[in-house]
Amino acid sequence: MLRAMSTPTATTDAEPPPQPSPARGEGAGAGTSALAPPRRSFLAALRDEVWQALLPQRCLACGAFGAALHEACLDRLPTADGARCDRCWQPGVAGTCARCAEGGPDAPAFDALRAPFRFEGLARRALLEAKFRGVSAHLAPLGRAAAAVVPPDWRPEVIVAVPLGRRRERRRGFNQAHEVAGAVAEALGVPLADGLVQRVRETRAQATLDAEARHTNLRAAFALDGTPPARVLVVDDVTTTGATLSAIAAVLRAGGAQSVRALAVARED
């Protein structure tokens, strides 16, 4: 099973829909609202109920019936192990990478990032099916896997999901980051601060942009609706440059948060 990742001593918005063939392996008040259920439109919820009533779930990894993704099959997903930067989770770096060590405007606004999987193989397929095909049943076990790598000393007071643009959420019927965050919140026993961070401006899909354009694309895209507590954990489904997580961390810090960590299901290395 996956264990909490510590730094080795030696360490979204969307992309084009996947092809039919298997793909190759980014509250109000004090932000302590109760654990909130994933937001779904009525038609999306009805569609899922009918679909699951008519067809049994089949595991994405092993193909056996019984679950969308068996907990035992999580070990088949490509893990983000090896030497990684203890702040941005960039691979191939022991300790802290040069960008994070130098600080300045290019360094992420969050204190640390963790992700249990690499965005390839089955992990990539699972997340893209959620984004573009509405298959969301496997997001809960992926969220629990992400929660398992949160270092014990992070001790977040609330979980914040990366908000999705309204147009995209209406089109998909749900926000995949919100569903992952709900599973993380439940696994950690920490409340989900639903609505604490709002997306106030629609943005272009991050996957179509280079690193510099990603940061520009997210300027003034997020705002607070309430006051965050001291320690916040921001959750997304997938991260590449960390631009989205960093933009939200900056808003939370400006609102009074003292420590902002980030968590994703997968990192695109």
C-alpha atoms as a PDB file:
ATOM      1  CA  MET A   1       0.000   0.000   0.000  1.00  0.00           C
ATOM      2  CA  LEU A   2       1.048   3.597  -0.486  1.00  0.00           C
ATOM      3  CA  ARG A   3       2.650   5.305   2.507  1.00  0.00           C
ATOM      4  CA  ALA A   4       3.115   8.975   3.334  1.00  0.00           C
ATOM      5  CA  MET A   5       5.875  10.368   1.144  1.00  0.00           C
ATOM      6  CA  SER A   6       8.667  12.295   2.753  1.00  0.00           C
ATOM      7  CA  THR A   7      11.481  13.886   0.831  1.00  0.00           C
ATOM      8  CA  PRO A   8      14.085  11.222  -0.070  1.00  0.00           C
ATOM      9  CA  THR A   9      17.429  11.959   1.454  1.00  0.00           C
ATOM     10  CA  ALA A  10      19.147  10.951  -1.679  1.00  0.00           C
ATOM     11  CA  THR A  11      14.383  13.589  -3.882  1.00  0.00           C
ATOM     12  CA  THR A  12      -6.097  21.797 -14.889  1.00  0.00           C
ATOM     13  CA  ASP A  13      -7.408  22.535 -16.458  1.00  0.00           C
ATOM     14  CA  ALA A  14      -7.916  20.250 -19.406  1.00  0.00           C
ATOM     15  CA  GLU A  15      -6.257  18.689 -22.381  1.00  0.00           C
ATOM     16  CA  PRO A  16      -7.641  17.213 -25.605  1.00  0.00           C
ATOM     17  CA  PRO A  17      -9.998  14.270 -24.979  1.00  0.00           C
ATOM     18  CA  PRO A  18      -8.360  10.810 -24.996  1.00  0.00           C
ATOM     19  CA  GLN A  19      -8.671   8.585 -28.021  1.00  0.00           C
ATOM     20  CA  PRO A  20     -10.853   5.501 -27.842  1.00  0.00           C
ATOM     21  CA  SER A  21      -7.798   3.242 -27.516  1.00  0.00           C
ATOM     22  CA  PRO A  22      -6.140   3.092 -24.058  1.00  0.00           C
ATOM     23  CA  ALA A  23      -4.070   6.211 -23.499  1.00  0.00           C
ATOM     24  CA  ARG A  24      -0.377   6.185 -22.630  1.00  0.00           C
ATOM     25  CA  GLY A  25       0.994   6.331 -19.404  1.00  0.00           C
ATOM     26  CA  GLU A  26      -2.115  18.581 -13.135  1.00  0.00           C
ATOM     27  CA  GLY A  27     -16.801  28.040   2.865  1.00  0.00           C
ATOM     28  CA  ALA A  28     -17.402  30.876   4.363  1.00  0.00           C
ATOM     29  CA  GLY A  29     -16.249  32.307   7.654  1.00  0.00           C
ATOM     30  CA  ALA A  30     -13.100  30.665   8.906  1.00  0.00           C
ATOM     31  CA  GLY A  31     -13.207  28.094   6.144  1.00  0.00           C
ATOM     32  CA  THR A  32     -14.376  25.309   8.459  1.00  0.00           C
ATOM     33  CA  SER A  33     -17.600  24.312   6.749  1.00  0.00           C
ATOM     34  CA  ALA A  34     -18.713  20.718   7.072  1.00  0.00           C
ATOM     35  CA  LEU A  35     -17.548  18.061   4.677  1.00  0.00           C
ATOM     36  CA  ALA A  36     -19.469  18.863   1.535  1.00  0.00           C
ATOM     37  CA  PRO A  37     -20.676  16.351  -1.048  1.00  0.00           C
ATOM     38  CA  PRO A  38     -19.441  16.743  -4.629  1.00  0.00           C
ATOM     39  CA  ARG A  39     -21.558  19.217  -6.560  1.00  0.00           C
ATOM     40  CA  ARG A  40     -23.490  17.616  -9.413  1.00  0.00           C
ATOM     41  CA  SER A  41     -26.231  18.770 -11.693  1.00  0.00           C
ATOM     42  CA  PHE A  42     -29.506  16.863 -11.471  1.00  0.00           C
ATOM     43  CA  LEU A  43     -29.077  15.393 -14.947  1.00  0.00           C
ATOM     44  CA  ALA A  44     -25.501  14.281 -14.229  1.00  0.00           C
ATOM     45  CA  ALA A  45     -26.567  12.576 -10.998  1.00  0.00           C
ATOM     46  CA  LEU A  46     -29.504  10.897 -12.731  1.00  0.00           C
ATOM     47  CA  ARG A  47     -27.246   9.722 -15.559  1.00  0.00           C
ATOM     48  CA  ASP A  48     -24.807   8.133 -13.110  1.00  0.00           C
ATOM     49  CA  GLU A  49     -27.568   6.386 -11.157  1.00  0.00           C
ATOM     50  CA  VAL A  50     -29.076   4.907 -14.310  1.00  0.00           C
ATOM     51  CA  TRP A  51     -25.672   3.908 -15.677  1.00  0.00           C
ATOM     52  CA  GLN A  52     -24.613   2.143 -12.479  1.00  0.00           C
ATOM     53  CA  ALA A  53     -28.004   0.462 -12.107  1.00  0.00           C
ATOM     54  CA  LEU A  54     -27.829  -1.004 -15.609  1.00  0.00           C
ATOM     55  CA  LEU A  55     -24.149  -1.898 -15.785  1.00  0.00           C
ATOM     56  CA  PRO A  56     -21.897  -3.288 -13.032  1.00  0.00           C
ATOM     57  CA  GLN A  57     -18.685  -1.408 -12.379  1.00  0.00           C
ATOM     58  CA  ARG A  58     -15.542  -2.796 -13.961  1.00  0.00           C
ATOM     59  CA  CYS A  59     -12.096  -2.050 -12.593  1.00  0.00           C
ATOM     60  CA  LEU A  60     -10.061   0.283 -14.775  1.00  0.00           C
ATOM     61  CA  ALA A  61      -6.842  -1.558 -13.876  1.00  0.00           C
ATOM     62  CA  CYS A  62      -7.640  -5.281 -13.805  1.00  0.00           C
ATOM     63  CA  GLY A  63     -10.886  -5.406 -15.773  1.00  0.00           C
ATOM     64  CA  ALA A  64     -12.708  -7.429 -13.118  1.00  0.00           C
ATOM     65  CA  PHE A  65     -16.231  -6.482 -12.099  1.00  0.00           C
ATOM     66  CA  GLY A  66     -17.069  -5.144  -8.667  1.00  0.00           C
ATOM     67  CA  ALA A  67     -15.556  -1.640  -8.546  1.00  0.00           C
ATOM     68  CA  ALA A  68     -14.493   1.194 -10.814  1.00  0.00           C
ATOM     69  CA  LEU A  69     -10.993   0.844  -9.358  1.00  0.00           C
ATOM     70  CA  HIS A  70     -10.128  -1.772  -6.767  1.00  0.00           C
ATOM     71  CA  GLU A  71      -8.059  -0.496  -3.845  1.00  0.00           C
ATOM     72  CA  ALA A  72      -5.745  -3.472  -4.386  1.00  0.00           C
ATOM     73  CA  CYS A  73      -5.152  -2.356  -7.984  1.00  0.00           C
ATOM     74  CA  LEU A  74      -3.775   1.058  -7.024  1.00  0.00           C
ATOM     75  CA  ASP A  75      -0.313  -0.514  -6.953  1.00  0.00           C
ATOM     76  CA  ARG A  76      -0.574  -0.929 -10.732  1.00  0.00           C
ATOM     77  CA  LEU A  77      -0.541   2.842 -11.251  1.00  0.00           C
ATOM     78  CA  PRO A  78       2.840   4.518 -11.928  1.00  0.00           C
ATOM     79  CA  THR A  79       4.102   5.957  -8.642  1.00  0.00           C
ATOM     80  CA  ALA A  80       5.859   9.306  -8.329  1.00  0.00           C
ATOM     81  CA  ASP A  81       8.770   7.927  -6.368  1.00  0.00           C
ATOM     82  CA  GLY A  82      12.520   8.480  -6.499  1.00  0.00           C
ATOM     83  CA  ALA A  83      14.430  11.677  -5.771  1.00  0.00           C
ATOM     84  CA  ARG A  84      12.145  14.727  -5.909  1.00  0.00           C
ATOM     85  CA  CYS A  85      12.196  18.368  -4.854  1.00  0.00           C
ATOM     86  CA  ASP A  86      10.672  18.621  -1.398  1.00  0.00           C
ATOM     87  CA  ARG A  87       8.700  21.719  -2.430  1.00  0.00           C
ATOM     88  CA  CYS A  88       7.481  21.416  -6.042  1.00  0.00           C
ATOM     89  CA  TRP A  89       7.878  17.593  -6.348  1.00  0.00           C
ATOM     90  CA  GLN A  90      10.011  17.941  -9.482  1.00  0.00           C
ATOM     91  CA  PRO A  91      11.728  14.613 -10.204  1.00  0.00           C
ATOM     92  CA  GLY A  92      15.463  14.047 -10.259  1.00  0.00           C
ATOM     93  CA  VAL A  93      16.278  16.481  -7.463  1.00  0.00           C
ATOM     94  CA  ALA A  94      17.556  15.608  -3.989  1.00  0.00           C
ATOM     95  CA  GLY A  95      16.383  18.179  -1.443  1.00  0.00           C
ATOM     96  CA  THR A  96      15.212  21.448  -2.994  1.00  0.00           C
ATOM     97  CA  CYS A  97      15.487  22.376  -6.677  1.00  0.00           C
ATOM     98  CA  ALA A  98      17.222  25.593  -7.750  1.00  0.00           C
ATOM     99  CA  ARG A  99      13.967  27.400  -8.613  1.00  0.00           C
ATOM    100  CA  CYS A 100      12.426  26.713  -5.201  1.00  0.00           C
ATOM    101  CA  ALA A 101      15.665  27.414  -3.323  1.00  0.00           C
ATOM    102  CA  GLU A 102      16.134  30.806  -4.987  1.00  0.00           C
ATOM    103  CA  GLY A 103      12.591  31.910  -4.195  1.00  0.00           C
ATOM    104  CA  GLY A 104      11.322  34.994  -5.960  1.00  0.00           C
ATOM    105  CA  PRO A 105       8.377  35.235  -8.363  1.00  0.00           C
ATOM    106  CA  ASP A 106       9.197  31.967 -10.137  1.00  0.00           C
ATOM    107  CA  ALA A 107       8.982  29.857  -6.982  1.00  0.00           C
ATOM    108  CA  PRO A 108       5.606  28.334  -6.102  1.00  0.00           C
ATOM    109  CA  ALA A 109       3.494  30.116  -3.487  1.00  0.00           C
ATOM    110  CA  PHE A 110       2.727  26.849  -1.717  1.00  0.00           C
ATOM    111  CA  ASP A 111       5.077  25.381   0.889  1.00  0.00           C
ATOM    112  CA  ALA A 112       5.142  21.840  -0.474  1.00  0.00           C
ATOM    113  CA  LEU A 113       3.477  19.556  -2.998  1.00  0.00           C
ATOM    114  CA  ARG A 114       2.890  15.818  -3.011  1.00  0.00           C
ATOM    115  CA  ALA A 115       1.345  13.458  -5.574  1.00  0.00           C
ATOM    116  CA  PRO A 116       1.291   9.657  -5.330  1.00  0.00           C
ATOM    117  CA  PHE A 117       1.293   8.994  -9.084  1.00  0.00           C
ATOM    118  CA  ARG A 118       2.891  10.108 -12.320  1.00  0.00           C
ATOM    119  CA  PHE A 119       0.476  11.369 -14.976  1.00  0.00           C
ATOM    120  CA  GLU A 120       0.947   8.465 -17.356  1.00  0.00           C
ATOM    121  CA  GLY A 121      -0.387   4.982 -17.988  1.00  0.00           C
ATOM    122  CA  LEU A 122      -3.432   4.001 -15.936  1.00  0.00           C
ATOM    123  CA  ALA A 123      -3.278   7.162 -13.813  1.00  0.00           C
ATOM    124  CA  ARG A 124      -3.528   9.340 -16.915  1.00  0.00           C
ATOM    125  CA  ARG A 125      -6.320   7.240 -18.365  1.00  0.00           C
ATOM    126  CA  ALA A 126      -8.330   7.381 -15.131  1.00  0.00           C
ATOM    127  CA  LEU A 127      -8.099  11.158 -14.799  1.00  0.00           C
ATOM    128  CA  LEU A 128      -8.849  11.851 -18.458  1.00  0.00           C
ATOM    129  CA  GLU A 129     -11.897   9.592 -18.384  1.00  0.00           C
ATOM    130  CA  ALA A 130     -13.198  11.642 -15.466  1.00  0.00           C
ATOM    131  CA  LYS A 131     -12.569  14.912 -17.273  1.00  0.00           C
ATOM    132  CA  PHE A 132     -13.879  14.046 -20.700  1.00  0.00           C
ATOM    133  CA  ARG A 133     -16.132  10.994 -20.355  1.00  0.00           C
ATOM    134  CA  GLY A 134     -17.853  11.685 -17.070  1.00  0.00           C
ATOM    135  CA  VAL A 135     -16.506   8.504 -15.428  1.00  0.00           C
ATOM    136  CA  SER A 136     -16.103   9.609 -11.817  1.00  0.00           C
ATOM    137  CA  ALA A 137     -16.539   6.481  -9.682  1.00  0.00           C
ATOM    138  CA  HIS A 138     -12.783   5.872  -9.529  1.00  0.00           C
ATOM    139  CA  LEU A 139     -11.999   9.354  -8.192  1.00  0.00           C
ATOM    140  CA  ALA A 140     -12.737   8.342  -4.584  1.00  0.00           C
ATOM    141  CA  PRO A 141     -10.081   5.594  -4.413  1.00  0.00           C
ATOM    142  CA  LEU A 142      -7.634   7.914  -6.171  1.00  0.00           C
ATOM    143  CA  GLY A 143      -8.396  10.576  -3.566  1.00  0.00           C
ATOM    144  CA  ARG A 144      -7.774   8.111  -0.756  1.00  0.00           C
ATOM    145  CA  ALA A 145      -4.457   7.168  -2.362  1.00  0.00           C
ATOM    146  CA  ALA A 146      -3.515  10.867  -2.466  1.00  0.00           C
ATOM    147  CA  ALA A 147      -4.474  11.287   1.199  1.00  0.00           C
ATOM    148  CA  ALA A 148      -2.162   8.383   2.093  1.00  0.00           C
ATOM    149  CA  VAL A 149       0.931  10.354   0.999  1.00  0.00           C
ATOM    150  CA  VAL A 150       0.184  13.478   3.037  1.00  0.00           C
ATOM    151  CA  PRO A 151       3.028  13.834   5.573  1.00  0.00           C
ATOM    152  CA  PRO A 152       1.763  13.683   9.184  1.00  0.00           C
ATOM    153  CA  ASP A 153       3.361  17.017  10.083  1.00  0.00           C
ATOM    154  CA  TRP A 154       1.253  18.944   7.548  1.00  0.00           C
ATOM    155  CA  ARG A 155      -1.822  18.848   9.851  1.00  0.00           C
ATOM    156  CA  PRO A 156      -4.186  20.876   7.603  1.00  0.00           C
ATOM    157  CA  GLU A 157      -7.194  22.521   9.233  1.00  0.00           C
ATOM    158  CA  VAL A 158      -9.262  22.540   6.035  1.00  0.00           C
ATOM    159  CA  ILE A 159      -9.155  21.055   2.550  1.00  0.00           C
ATOM    160  CA  VAL A 160      -9.745  23.306  -0.469  1.00  0.00           C
ATOM    161  CA  ALA A 161     -10.566  21.909  -3.903  1.00  0.00           C
ATOM    162  CA  VAL A 162      -9.352  23.729  -6.998  1.00  0.00           C
ATOM    163  CA  PRO A 163     -12.559  25.328  -8.342  1.00  0.00           C
ATOM    164  CA  LEU A 164     -13.575  24.641 -11.916  1.00  0.00           C
ATOM    165  CA  GLY A 165     -14.911  27.274 -14.286  1.00  0.00           C
ATOM    166  CA  ARG A 166     -18.711  27.356 -14.323  1.00  0.00           C
ATOM    167  CA  ARG A 167     -18.964  26.546 -18.010  1.00  0.00           C
ATOM    168  CA  ARG A 168     -16.712  23.499 -17.682  1.00  0.00           C
ATOM    169  CA  GLU A 169     -18.509  22.296 -14.559  1.00  0.00           C
ATOM    170  CA  ARG A 170     -21.900  22.580 -16.247  1.00  0.00           C
ATOM    171  CA  ARG A 171     -20.575  20.692 -19.260  1.00  0.00           C
ATOM    172  CA  ARG A 172     -19.025  17.867 -17.212  1.00  0.00           C
ATOM    173  CA  GLY A 173     -21.709  17.757 -14.531  1.00  0.00           C
ATOM    174  CA  PHE A 174     -19.136  17.763 -11.717  1.00  0.00           C
ATOM    175  CA  ASN A 175     -15.735  19.094 -10.677  1.00  0.00           C
ATOM    176  CA  GLN A 176     -13.226  16.241 -10.569  1.00  0.00           C
ATOM    177  CA  ALA A 177     -10.917  18.114  -8.174  1.00  0.00           C
ATOM    178  CA  HIS A 178     -13.834  18.611  -5.771  1.00  0.00           C
ATOM    179  CA  GLU A 179     -14.605  14.896  -5.769  1.00  0.00           C
ATOM    180  CA  VAL A 180     -10.962  14.007  -5.136  1.00  0.00           C
ATOM    181  CA  ALA A 181     -10.814  16.621  -2.366  1.00  0.00           C
ATOM    182  CA  GLY A 182     -13.927  15.154  -0.750  1.00  0.00           C
ATOM    183  CA  ALA A 183     -12.265  11.748  -0.542  1.00  0.00           C
ATOM    184  CA  VAL A 184      -9.078  13.341   0.838  1.00  0.00           C
ATOM    185  CA  ALA A 185     -11.059  15.261   3.465  1.00  0.00           C
ATOM    186  CA  GLU A 186     -12.901  12.137   4.570  1.00  0.00           C
ATOM    187  CA  ALA A 187      -9.706  10.069   4.730  1.00  0.00           C
ATOM    188  CA  LEU A 188      -7.854  12.688   6.778  1.00  0.00           C
ATOM    189  CA  GLY A 189     -10.825  13.606   8.959  1.00  0.00           C
ATOM    190  CA  VAL A 190     -10.498  17.260   7.952  1.00  0.00           C
ATOM    191  CA  PRO A 191     -13.420  19.450   6.812  1.00  0.00           C
ATOM    192  CA  LEU A 192     -13.778  20.413   3.155  1.00  0.00           C
ATOM    193  CA  ALA A 193     -14.030  24.213   2.938  1.00  0.00           C
ATOM    194  CA  ASP A 194     -16.420  24.211   0.016  1.00  0.00           C
ATOM    195  CA  GLY A 195     -16.596  27.633  -1.613  1.00  0.00           C
ATOM    196  CA  LEU A 196     -13.782  29.245   0.373  1.00  0.00           C
ATOM    197  CA  VAL A 197     -11.869  29.795  -2.888  1.00  0.00           C
ATOM    198  CA  GLN A 198     -13.905  30.939  -5.878  1.00  0.00           C
ATOM    199  CA  ARG A 199     -12.932  31.014  -9.543  1.00  0.00           C
ATOM    200  CA  VAL A 200     -14.054  34.488 -10.517  1.00  0.00           C
ATOM    201  CA  ARG A 201     -12.771  34.499 -14.088  1.00  0.00           C
ATOM    202  CA  GLU A 202     -12.975  31.879 -16.798  1.00  0.00           C
ATOM    203  CA  THR A 203      -9.553  30.888 -18.119  1.00  0.00           C
ATOM    204  CA  ARG A 204      -8.162  29.041 -21.100  1.00  0.00           C
ATOM    205  CA  ALA A 205      -7.338  25.364 -20.694  1.00  0.00           C
ATOM    206  CA  GLN A 206      -3.928  25.175 -19.001  1.00  0.00           C
ATOM    207  CA  ALA A 207      -2.834  22.123 -21.008  1.00  0.00           C
ATOM    208  CA  THR A 208      -2.753  24.214 -24.208  1.00  0.00           C
ATOM    209  CA  LEU A 209      -0.251  26.727 -22.765  1.00  0.00           C
ATOM    210  CA  ASP A 210       3.460  26.842 -22.010  1.00  0.00           C
ATOM    211  CA  ALA A 211       4.757  27.443 -18.488  1.00  0.00           C
ATOM    212  CA  GLU A 212       4.890  31.250 -18.741  1.00  0.00           C
ATOM    213  CA  ALA A 213       1.457  31.502 -20.337  1.00  0.00           C
ATOM    214  CA  ARG A 214      -0.034  29.281 -17.623  1.00  0.00           C
ATOM    215  CA  HIS A 215       0.902  31.791 -14.945  1.00  0.00           C
ATOM    216  CA  THR A 216      -0.412  34.718 -16.996  1.00  0.00           C
ATOM    217  CA  ASN A 217      -3.631  32.839 -17.724  1.00  0.00           C
ATOM    218  CA  LEU A 218      -4.406  32.534 -13.996  1.00  0.00           C
ATOM    219  CA  ARG A 219      -3.918  36.160 -12.961  1.00  0.00           C
ATOM    220  CA  ALA A 220      -6.918  37.397 -10.952  1.00  0.00           C
ATOM    221  CA  ALA A 221      -8.714  34.107 -11.637  1.00  0.00           C
ATOM    222  CA  PHE A 222      -9.339  33.239  -7.970  1.00  0.00           C
ATOM    223  CA  ALA A 223     -10.735  35.064  -4.948  1.00  0.00           C
ATOM    224  CA  LEU A 224     -11.653  34.249  -1.352  1.00  0.00           C
ATOM    225  CA  ASP A 225     -15.143  34.050   0.077  1.00  0.00           C
ATOM    226  CA  GLY A 226     -14.263  34.046   3.754  1.00  0.00           C
ATOM    227  CA  THR A 227     -11.156  33.955   5.906  1.00  0.00           C
ATOM    228  CA  PRO A 228      -8.900  30.890   5.698  1.00  0.00           C
ATOM    229  CA  PRO A 229      -7.448  29.227   8.792  1.00  0.00           C
ATOM    230  CA  ALA A 230      -3.704  29.058   9.403  1.00  0.00           C
ATOM    231  CA  ARG A 231      -3.069  25.700   7.681  1.00  0.00           C
ATOM    232  CA  VAL A 232      -4.692  24.839   4.356  1.00  0.00           C
ATOM    233  CA  LEU A 233      -4.304  21.920   1.962  1.00  0.00           C
ATOM    234  CA  VAL A 234      -5.223  22.638  -1.679  1.00  0.00           C
ATOM    235  CA  VAL A 235      -6.222  19.609  -3.762  1.00  0.00           C
ATOM    236  CA  ASP A 236      -6.286  19.113  -7.544  1.00  0.00           C
ATOM    237  CA  ASP A 237      -6.553  16.049  -9.755  1.00  0.00           C
ATOM    238  CA  VAL A 238      -3.402  16.630 -11.810  1.00  0.00           C
ATOM    239  CA  THR A 239      -0.595  19.186 -11.801  1.00  0.00           C
ATOM    240  CA  THR A 240       2.170  19.987 -14.272  1.00  0.00           C
ATOM    241  CA  THR A 241       3.934  23.268 -13.522  1.00  0.00           C
ATOM    242  CA  GLY A 242       1.995  23.833 -10.284  1.00  0.00           C
ATOM    243  CA  ALA A 243       0.702  27.174 -11.631  1.00  0.00           C
ATOM    244  CA  THR A 244      -2.932  26.618 -10.616  1.00  0.00           C
ATOM    245  CA  LEU A 245      -2.055  25.393  -7.136  1.00  0.00           C
ATOM    246  CA  SER A 246       0.399  28.271  -6.724  1.00  0.00           C
ATOM    247  CA  ALA A 247      -2.181  30.878  -7.794  1.00  0.00           C
ATOM    248  CA  ILE A 248      -4.657  29.589  -5.205  1.00  0.00           C
ATOM    249  CA  ALA A 249      -1.943  29.418  -2.540  1.00  0.00           C
ATOM    250  CA  ALA A 250      -1.098  33.073  -3.172  1.00  0.00           C
ATOM    251  CA  VAL A 251      -4.738  34.071  -2.675  1.00  0.00           C
ATOM    252  CA  LEU A 252      -4.962  32.055   0.544  1.00  0.00           C
ATOM    253  CA  ARG A 253      -1.765  33.603   1.895  1.00  0.00           C
ATOM    254  CA  ALA A 254      -3.011  37.083   1.066  1.00  0.00           C
ATOM    255  CA  GLY A 255      -6.159  36.242   3.047  1.00  0.00           C
ATOM    256  CA  GLY A 256      -4.226  35.234   6.149  1.00  0.00           C
ATOM    257  CA  ALA A 257      -3.227  31.569   5.742  1.00  0.00           C
ATOM    258  CA  GLN A 258       0.212  30.931   7.213  1.00  0.00           C
ATOM    259  CA  SER A 259       0.913  27.525   5.675  1.00  0.00           C
ATOM    260  CA  VAL A 260      -0.445  26.307   2.342  1.00  0.00           C
ATOM    261  CA  ARG A 261       0.409  22.851   1.054  1.00  0.00           C
ATOM    262  CA  ALA A 262      -0.717  21.247  -2.184  1.00  0.00           C
ATOM    263  CA  LEU A 263      -1.803  17.754  -3.129  1.00  0.00           C
ATOM    264  CA  ALA A 264      -2.650  16.158  -6.464  1.00  0.00           C
ATOM    265  CA  VAL A 265      -3.488  12.643  -7.593  1.00  0.00           C
ATOM    266  CA  ALA A 266      -0.818  12.805 -10.297  1.00  0.00           C
ATOM    267  CA  ARG A 267       2.046  15.013 -11.445  1.00  0.00           C
ATOM    268  CA  GLU A 268       2.978  15.322 -15.102  1.00  0.00           C
ATOM    269  CA  ASP A 269       6.774  15.126 -14.957  1.00  0.00           C
END
